[in-house]
Amino acid sequence: MTGKKRYILIGLCLCIMTMGCMNLKQPAYELSYYTLEYLPLEGSALPPLPVVLQVAPFGVAPAYDTHRIVYRDAPFERNTYVYHRWRTHPGNLVSHRLRQDLMNSGLFTAVLTTDNNLPCDYTLTGTVDEFFEWKEARSSRAVLSISVTLVGTDSDRMEDSIRFHNAYRIKESFARKDPPALVEAMSRAMARLSKKILTDLHHYMAHTHERKDSNTTGSLSENTRASDEERF
């Protein structure tokens, strides 16, 4: 090998080594993780109920069953941000926030998770049907849909145990088109739906317990009357 070729080869090796060092020094893209966050719901004037409620982790529709933040920018399409993700499964995010709101409301004797074996009056199950950013020309919207089912624990037949079922959907607009703005909007949407679900559940349970109390009072009255008649 001539001296000239040797110098060219050494120069190429140095260039490759330098480029390798430069790539090693380049910072890697960092992932950002988000969760739902909002102030505790305002106190309610509704009366407390003698009810122990259990909240199960929610399922998620297949299109949104991912930690990545999903967005829609064209009909029939669902894409995800690469470097922006939810801290955990959307079903866990929603059911955890809902359980916290139910517990902090003070309207129930206890609000439990499924991790314990304590007896309860009802179990709340649900599914996150939509959980994504809907991109539009001038703004975007956080879309959140939840369906919930309240199951009574005093019946062995499934068809008899379902006490309440409803679906909820909300769109929360935001102007700044970036993932943090979406997370803020999704948090507002969750707060609004959580308050609505809490109110509906309380209304159903209060009505049910009112009927039970009326039936019990009626039975006691009949028993008392029968006892009085037996004395004579």
C-alpha atoms as a PDB file:
ATOM      1  CA  MET A   1       0.000   0.000   0.000  1.00  0.00           C
ATOM      2  CA  THR A   2       1.392   3.339  -1.015  1.00  0.00           C
ATOM      3  CA  GLY A   3       1.745   6.192   1.435  1.00  0.00           C
ATOM      4  CA  LYS A   4      -1.011   8.143  -0.254  1.00  0.00           C
ATOM      5  CA  LYS A   5      -3.524   5.316   0.054  1.00  0.00           C
ATOM      6  CA  ARG A   6      -2.489   4.751   3.654  1.00  0.00           C
ATOM      7  CA  TYR A   7      -3.244   8.369   4.515  1.00  0.00           C
ATOM      8  CA  ILE A   8      -6.643   8.192   2.771  1.00  0.00           C
ATOM      9  CA  LEU A   9      -7.575   5.027   4.724  1.00  0.00           C
ATOM     10  CA  ILE A  10      -6.515   6.595   8.025  1.00  0.00           C
ATOM     11  CA  GLY A  11      -8.546   9.683   7.180  1.00  0.00           C
ATOM     12  CA  LEU A  12     -11.666   7.598   6.459  1.00  0.00           C
ATOM     13  CA  CYS A  13     -11.267   5.719   9.748  1.00  0.00           C
ATOM     14  CA  LEU A  14     -10.966   8.980  11.657  1.00  0.00           C
ATOM     15  CA  CYS A  15     -14.107  10.336   9.985  1.00  0.00           C
ATOM     16  CA  ILE A  16     -16.081   7.191  10.865  1.00  0.00           C
ATOM     17  CA  MET A  17     -14.877   7.338  14.479  1.00  0.00           C
ATOM     18  CA  THR A  18     -15.737  11.030  14.740  1.00  0.00           C
ATOM     19  CA  MET A  19     -19.232  10.485  13.347  1.00  0.00           C
ATOM     20  CA  GLY A  20     -19.760   7.610  15.791  1.00  0.00           C
ATOM     21  CA  CYS A  21     -18.774   9.801  18.733  1.00  0.00           C
ATOM     22  CA  MET A  22     -21.095  12.548  17.534  1.00  0.00           C
ATOM     23  CA  ASN A  23     -24.039  10.096  17.384  1.00  0.00           C
ATOM     24  CA  LEU A  24     -23.283   8.867  20.879  1.00  0.00           C
ATOM     25  CA  LYS A  25     -23.314  12.416  22.200  1.00  0.00           C
ATOM     26  CA  GLN A  26     -26.669  13.255  20.610  1.00  0.00           C
ATOM     27  CA  PRO A  27     -29.415  13.227  23.252  1.00  0.00           C
ATOM     28  CA  ALA A  28     -32.088  10.530  22.853  1.00  0.00           C
ATOM     29  CA  TYR A  29     -35.717  11.569  22.602  1.00  0.00           C
ATOM     30  CA  GLU A  30     -37.388  11.427  25.999  1.00  0.00           C
ATOM     31  CA  LEU A  31     -40.859   9.987  26.495  1.00  0.00           C
ATOM     32  CA  SER A  32     -43.437  12.130  28.300  1.00  0.00           C
ATOM     33  CA  TYR A  33     -46.027  10.402  30.470  1.00  0.00           C
ATOM     34  CA  TYR A  34     -49.379  11.901  31.502  1.00  0.00           C
ATOM     35  CA  THR A  35     -52.266  11.205  33.822  1.00  0.00           C
ATOM     36  CA  LEU A  36     -55.704  12.689  34.490  1.00  0.00           C
ATOM     37  CA  GLU A  37     -55.572  15.482  37.050  1.00  0.00           C
ATOM     38  CA  TYR A  38     -58.161  17.924  38.389  1.00  0.00           C
ATOM     39  CA  LEU A  39     -59.290  19.459  41.652  1.00  0.00           C
ATOM     40  CA  PRO A  40     -61.596  17.372  43.880  1.00  0.00           C
ATOM     41  CA  LEU A  41     -65.231  17.690  42.924  1.00  0.00           C
ATOM     42  CA  GLU A  42     -67.234  20.255  44.866  1.00  0.00           C
ATOM     43  CA  GLY A  43     -69.193  18.995  47.853  1.00  0.00           C
ATOM     44  CA  SER A  44     -72.688  17.732  47.140  1.00  0.00           C
ATOM     45  CA  ALA A  45     -75.892  18.544  49.005  1.00  0.00           C
ATOM     46  CA  LEU A  46     -77.109  14.974  48.470  1.00  0.00           C
ATOM     47  CA  PRO A  47     -77.692  12.872  51.610  1.00  0.00           C
ATOM     48  CA  PRO A  48     -75.189  10.102  52.483  1.00  0.00           C
ATOM     49  CA  LEU A  49     -76.316   6.529  51.863  1.00  0.00           C
ATOM     50  CA  PRO A  50     -75.618   3.365  53.925  1.00  0.00           C
ATOM     51  CA  VAL A  51     -74.027   1.709  50.903  1.00  0.00           C
ATOM     52  CA  VAL A  52     -70.696  -0.071  50.385  1.00  0.00           C
ATOM     53  CA  LEU A  53     -69.666   0.267  46.742  1.00  0.00           C
ATOM     54  CA  GLN A  54     -66.909  -1.596  44.939  1.00  0.00           C
ATOM     55  CA  VAL A  55     -65.315  -0.217  41.749  1.00  0.00           C
ATOM     56  CA  ALA A  56     -63.698  -2.693  39.358  1.00  0.00           C
ATOM     57  CA  PRO A  57     -60.978  -1.729  36.844  1.00  0.00           C
ATOM     58  CA  PHE A  58     -62.599  -0.644  33.586  1.00  0.00           C
ATOM     59  CA  GLY A  59     -62.043  -2.257  30.228  1.00  0.00           C
ATOM     60  CA  VAL A  60     -61.116  -0.331  27.060  1.00  0.00           C
ATOM     61  CA  ALA A  61     -62.390  -0.508  23.482  1.00  0.00           C
ATOM     62  CA  PRO A  62     -59.770  -2.118  21.172  1.00  0.00           C
ATOM     63  CA  ALA A  63     -59.020   1.095  19.241  1.00  0.00           C
ATOM     64  CA  TYR A  64     -57.858   2.829  22.438  1.00  0.00           C
ATOM     65  CA  ASP A  65     -56.352  -0.129  24.293  1.00  0.00           C
ATOM     66  CA  THR A  66     -52.841   1.361  24.436  1.00  0.00           C
ATOM     67  CA  HIS A  67     -50.674   3.588  26.617  1.00  0.00           C
ATOM     68  CA  ARG A  68     -49.977   5.826  23.624  1.00  0.00           C
ATOM     69  CA  ILE A  69     -52.119   8.931  23.155  1.00  0.00           C
ATOM     70  CA  VAL A  70     -54.495   8.348  20.257  1.00  0.00           C
ATOM     71  CA  TYR A  71     -55.585  11.074  17.850  1.00  0.00           C
ATOM     72  CA  ARG A  72     -57.861  11.328  14.810  1.00  0.00           C
ATOM     73  CA  ASP A  73     -56.935  13.721  11.994  1.00  0.00           C
ATOM     74  CA  ALA A  74     -58.846  12.082   9.130  1.00  0.00           C
ATOM     75  CA  PRO A  75     -62.037  10.036   8.790  1.00  0.00           C
ATOM     76  CA  PHE A  76     -61.650   6.368   9.820  1.00  0.00           C
ATOM     77  CA  GLU A  77     -58.029   6.923  10.939  1.00  0.00           C
ATOM     78  CA  ARG A  78     -56.568   6.539  14.414  1.00  0.00           C
ATOM     79  CA  ASN A  79     -52.907   7.399  14.960  1.00  0.00           C
ATOM     80  CA  THR A  80     -50.733   7.765  18.054  1.00  0.00           C
ATOM     81  CA  TYR A  81     -48.057  10.120  19.303  1.00  0.00           C
ATOM     82  CA  VAL A  82     -44.691   8.370  19.553  1.00  0.00           C
ATOM     83  CA  TYR A  83     -43.168  10.293  22.463  1.00  0.00           C
ATOM     84  CA  HIS A  84     -46.297  11.165  24.451  1.00  0.00           C
ATOM     85  CA  ARG A  85     -48.068   8.445  26.433  1.00  0.00           C
ATOM     86  CA  TRP A  86     -50.493   7.850  29.260  1.00  0.00           C
ATOM     87  CA  ARG A  87     -48.892   6.687  32.480  1.00  0.00           C
ATOM     88  CA  THR A  88     -51.121   3.611  32.542  1.00  0.00           C
ATOM     89  CA  HIS A  89     -53.981   1.905  30.730  1.00  0.00           C
ATOM     90  CA  PRO A  90     -56.924   4.290  30.008  1.00  0.00           C
ATOM     91  CA  GLY A  91     -59.282   1.911  31.818  1.00  0.00           C
ATOM     92  CA  ASN A  92     -57.172   2.159  34.960  1.00  0.00           C
ATOM     93  CA  LEU A  93     -56.938   5.950  34.664  1.00  0.00           C
ATOM     94  CA  VAL A  94     -60.698   6.398  34.383  1.00  0.00           C
ATOM     95  CA  SER A  95     -61.799   3.861  37.006  1.00  0.00           C
ATOM     96  CA  HIS A  96     -59.209   5.157  39.496  1.00  0.00           C
ATOM     97  CA  ARG A  97     -60.328   8.769  39.134  1.00  0.00           C
ATOM     98  CA  LEU A  98     -63.992   7.769  39.345  1.00  0.00           C
ATOM     99  CA  ARG A  99     -63.394   5.718  42.496  1.00  0.00           C
ATOM    100  CA  GLN A 100     -61.544   8.638  44.079  1.00  0.00           C
ATOM    101  CA  ASP A 101     -64.413  11.004  43.290  1.00  0.00           C
ATOM    102  CA  LEU A 102     -67.003   8.565  44.667  1.00  0.00           C
ATOM    103  CA  MET A 103     -64.950   8.100  47.827  1.00  0.00           C
ATOM    104  CA  ASN A 104     -64.228  11.811  48.341  1.00  0.00           C
ATOM    105  CA  SER A 105     -67.892  12.685  47.919  1.00  0.00           C
ATOM    106  CA  GLY A 106     -68.697  11.257  51.349  1.00  0.00           C
ATOM    107  CA  LEU A 107     -72.025   9.965  50.010  1.00  0.00           C
ATOM    108  CA  PHE A 108     -71.274   6.284  50.629  1.00  0.00           C
ATOM    109  CA  THR A 109     -70.220   4.248  53.651  1.00  0.00           C
ATOM    110  CA  ALA A 110     -67.174   2.990  51.741  1.00  0.00           C
ATOM    111  CA  VAL A 111     -65.878   2.813  48.170  1.00  0.00           C
ATOM    112  CA  LEU A 112     -63.616  -0.204  47.708  1.00  0.00           C
ATOM    113  CA  THR A 113     -61.356  -1.708  45.072  1.00  0.00           C
ATOM    114  CA  THR A 114     -61.542  -5.334  43.959  1.00  0.00           C
ATOM    115  CA  ASP A 115     -58.255  -6.084  45.733  1.00  0.00           C
ATOM    116  CA  ASN A 116     -60.007  -6.907  49.007  1.00  0.00           C
ATOM    117  CA  ASN A 117     -62.660  -9.435  49.979  1.00  0.00           C
ATOM    118  CA  LEU A 118     -64.826  -7.148  52.082  1.00  0.00           C
ATOM    119  CA  PRO A 119     -68.575  -7.521  51.483  1.00  0.00           C
ATOM    120  CA  CYS A 120     -70.257  -4.831  49.427  1.00  0.00           C
ATOM    121  CA  ASP A 121     -73.767  -3.908  48.274  1.00  0.00           C
ATOM    122  CA  TYR A 122     -72.891  -3.099  44.669  1.00  0.00           C
ATOM    123  CA  THR A 123     -70.039  -3.497  42.192  1.00  0.00           C
ATOM    124  CA  LEU A 124     -69.499  -0.848  39.528  1.00  0.00           C
ATOM    125  CA  THR A 125     -67.999  -2.086  36.261  1.00  0.00           C
ATOM    126  CA  GLY A 126     -67.423  -0.168  33.063  1.00  0.00           C
ATOM    127  CA  THR A 127     -65.721   0.310  29.712  1.00  0.00           C
ATOM    128  CA  VAL A 128     -63.871   3.263  28.210  1.00  0.00           C
ATOM    129  CA  ASP A 129     -65.453   3.339  24.755  1.00  0.00           C
ATOM    130  CA  GLU A 130     -63.607   6.416  23.410  1.00  0.00           C
ATOM    131  CA  PHE A 131     -60.458   8.115  24.647  1.00  0.00           C
ATOM    132  CA  PHE A 132     -58.755  10.231  21.994  1.00  0.00           C
ATOM    133  CA  GLU A 133     -57.982  13.628  20.475  1.00  0.00           C
ATOM    134  CA  TRP A 134     -60.180  14.722  17.575  1.00  0.00           C
ATOM    135  CA  LYS A 135     -58.073  17.131  15.506  1.00  0.00           C
ATOM    136  CA  GLU A 136     -59.893  19.793  13.490  1.00  0.00           C
ATOM    137  CA  ALA A 137     -58.853  22.731  11.317  1.00  0.00           C
ATOM    138  CA  ARG A 138     -58.910  25.449  13.994  1.00  0.00           C
ATOM    139  CA  SER A 139     -59.053  23.504  17.238  1.00  0.00           C
ATOM    140  CA  SER A 140     -59.145  20.032  18.706  1.00  0.00           C
ATOM    141  CA  ARG A 141     -61.412  18.169  21.072  1.00  0.00           C
ATOM    142  CA  ALA A 142     -60.833  15.573  23.754  1.00  0.00           C
ATOM    143  CA  VAL A 143     -63.404  12.822  23.263  1.00  0.00           C
ATOM    144  CA  LEU A 144     -64.320  10.644  26.237  1.00  0.00           C
ATOM    145  CA  SER A 145     -67.041   7.981  26.292  1.00  0.00           C
ATOM    146  CA  ILE A 146     -67.740   5.720  29.259  1.00  0.00           C
ATOM    147  CA  SER A 147     -70.370   3.037  29.797  1.00  0.00           C
ATOM    148  CA  VAL A 148     -71.013   1.853  33.360  1.00  0.00           C
ATOM    149  CA  THR A 149     -72.992  -1.017  34.886  1.00  0.00           C
ATOM    150  CA  LEU A 150     -74.020  -1.274  38.525  1.00  0.00           C
ATOM    151  CA  VAL A 151     -74.311  -4.868  39.700  1.00  0.00           C
ATOM    152  CA  GLY A 152     -76.062  -5.907  42.901  1.00  0.00           C
ATOM    153  CA  THR A 153     -74.418  -8.575  45.034  1.00  0.00           C
ATOM    154  CA  ASP A 154     -77.626 -10.061  46.468  1.00  0.00           C
ATOM    155  CA  SER A 155     -78.553 -12.178  43.438  1.00  0.00           C
ATOM    156  CA  ASP A 156     -76.953 -15.241  41.853  1.00  0.00           C
ATOM    157  CA  ARG A 157     -78.501 -14.668  38.418  1.00  0.00           C
ATOM    158  CA  MET A 158     -76.749 -12.114  36.204  1.00  0.00           C
ATOM    159  CA  GLU A 159     -79.986 -10.951  34.589  1.00  0.00           C
ATOM    160  CA  ASP A 160     -81.362 -10.142  38.043  1.00  0.00           C
ATOM    161  CA  SER A 161     -78.181  -8.572  39.403  1.00  0.00           C
ATOM    162  CA  ILE A 162     -77.848  -5.709  36.859  1.00  0.00           C
ATOM    163  CA  ARG A 163     -79.414  -2.694  38.571  1.00  0.00           C
ATOM    164  CA  PHE A 164     -78.241   0.290  36.517  1.00  0.00           C
ATOM    165  CA  HIS A 165     -76.626   0.742  33.117  1.00  0.00           C
ATOM    166  CA  ASN A 166     -75.855   3.914  31.204  1.00  0.00           C
ATOM    167  CA  ALA A 167     -73.463   5.393  28.647  1.00  0.00           C
ATOM    168  CA  TYR A 168     -71.888   8.846  28.829  1.00  0.00           C
ATOM    169  CA  ARG A 169     -70.076  10.861  26.142  1.00  0.00           C
ATOM    170  CA  ILE A 170     -68.495  14.283  26.168  1.00  0.00           C
ATOM    171  CA  LYS A 171     -66.279  16.439  23.904  1.00  0.00           C
ATOM    172  CA  GLU A 172     -64.045  19.065  25.483  1.00  0.00           C
ATOM    173  CA  SER A 173     -62.546  21.664  23.111  1.00  0.00           C
ATOM    174  CA  PHE A 174     -59.052  23.160  23.371  1.00  0.00           C
ATOM    175  CA  ALA A 175     -57.180  25.579  21.132  1.00  0.00           C
ATOM    176  CA  ARG A 176     -53.486  24.817  21.695  1.00  0.00           C
ATOM    177  CA  LYS A 177     -52.716  21.757  19.589  1.00  0.00           C
ATOM    178  CA  ASP A 178     -50.263  19.715  21.621  1.00  0.00           C
ATOM    179  CA  PRO A 179     -50.484  16.650  23.900  1.00  0.00           C
ATOM    180  CA  PRO A 180     -50.335  18.593  27.211  1.00  0.00           C
ATOM    181  CA  ALA A 181     -53.345  20.659  26.109  1.00  0.00           C
ATOM    182  CA  LEU A 182     -55.180  17.457  25.229  1.00  0.00           C
ATOM    183  CA  VAL A 183     -54.449  16.014  28.666  1.00  0.00           C
ATOM    184  CA  GLU A 184     -55.864  19.138  30.332  1.00  0.00           C
ATOM    185  CA  ALA A 185     -59.018  18.916  28.210  1.00  0.00           C
ATOM    186  CA  MET A 186     -59.389  15.171  28.873  1.00  0.00           C
ATOM    187  CA  SER A 187     -59.078  15.863  32.598  1.00  0.00           C
ATOM    188  CA  ARG A 188     -61.896  18.425  32.397  1.00  0.00           C
ATOM    189  CA  ALA A 189     -64.009  15.922  30.490  1.00  0.00           C
ATOM    190  CA  MET A 190     -63.368  13.253  33.116  1.00  0.00           C
ATOM    191  CA  ALA A 191     -64.337  15.621  35.937  1.00  0.00           C
ATOM    192  CA  ARG A 192     -67.648  16.459  34.256  1.00  0.00           C
ATOM    193  CA  LEU A 193     -68.536  12.844  33.486  1.00  0.00           C
ATOM    194  CA  SER A 194     -67.497  11.693  36.948  1.00  0.00           C
ATOM    195  CA  LYS A 195     -69.857  14.192  38.567  1.00  0.00           C
ATOM    196  CA  LYS A 196     -72.713  13.063  36.310  1.00  0.00           C
ATOM    197  CA  ILE A 197     -72.101   9.381  37.031  1.00  0.00           C
ATOM    198  CA  LEU A 198     -71.906  10.040  40.769  1.00  0.00           C
ATOM    199  CA  THR A 199     -75.229  11.901  40.721  1.00  0.00           C
ATOM    200  CA  ASP A 200     -76.980   9.202  38.666  1.00  0.00           C
ATOM    201  CA  LEU A 201     -75.705   6.377  40.878  1.00  0.00           C
ATOM    202  CA  HIS A 202     -76.757   8.196  44.031  1.00  0.00           C
ATOM    203  CA  HIS A 203     -80.216   8.883  42.592  1.00  0.00           C
ATOM    204  CA  TYR A 204     -80.733   5.199  41.762  1.00  0.00           C
ATOM    205  CA  MET A 205     -79.451   3.916  45.124  1.00  0.00           C
ATOM    206  CA  ALA A 206     -81.429   6.485  47.124  1.00  0.00           C
ATOM    207  CA  HIS A 207     -84.627   5.531  45.281  1.00  0.00           C
ATOM    208  CA  THR A 208     -83.930   1.811  45.811  1.00  0.00           C
ATOM    209  CA  HIS A 209     -83.260   2.203  49.537  1.00  0.00           C
ATOM    210  CA  GLU A 210     -86.325   4.398  49.914  1.00  0.00           C
ATOM    211  CA  ARG A 211     -88.486   1.615  48.465  1.00  0.00           C
ATOM    212  CA  LYS A 212     -86.826  -0.970  50.710  1.00  0.00           C
ATOM    213  CA  ASP A 213     -87.480   1.169  53.768  1.00  0.00           C
ATOM    214  CA  SER A 214     -91.121   1.611  52.739  1.00  0.00           C
ATOM    215  CA  ASN A 215     -91.567  -2.134  52.280  1.00  0.00           C
ATOM    216  CA  THR A 216     -89.906  -2.842  55.610  1.00  0.00           C
ATOM    217  CA  THR A 217     -92.079  -0.277  57.381  1.00  0.00           C
ATOM    218  CA  GLY A 218     -95.182  -1.763  55.764  1.00  0.00           C
ATOM    219  CA  SER A 219     -94.227  -5.271  56.850  1.00  0.00           C
ATOM    220  CA  LEU A 220     -93.553  -4.101  60.394  1.00  0.00           C
ATOM    221  CA  SER A 221     -96.919  -2.348  60.517  1.00  0.00           C
ATOM    222  CA  GLU A 222     -98.718  -5.486  59.339  1.00  0.00           C
ATOM    223  CA  ASN A 223     -96.881  -7.636  61.870  1.00  0.00           C
ATOM    224  CA  THR A 224     -97.697  -5.195  64.668  1.00  0.00           C
ATOM    225  CA  ARG A 225    -101.368  -5.114  63.649  1.00  0.00           C
ATOM    226  CA  ALA A 226    -101.518  -8.921  63.562  1.00  0.00           C
ATOM    227  CA  SER A 227     -99.976  -9.126  67.011  1.00  0.00           C
ATOM    228  CA  ASP A 228    -102.472  -6.599  68.346  1.00  0.00           C
ATOM    229  CA  GLU A 229    -105.371  -8.627  66.894  1.00  0.00           C
ATOM    230  CA  GLU A 230    -104.038 -11.799  68.490  1.00  0.00           C
ATOM    231  CA  ARG A 231    -104.123 -10.173  71.920  1.00  0.00           C
ATOM    232  CA  PHE A 232    -107.871  -9.712  71.648  1.00  0.00           C
END
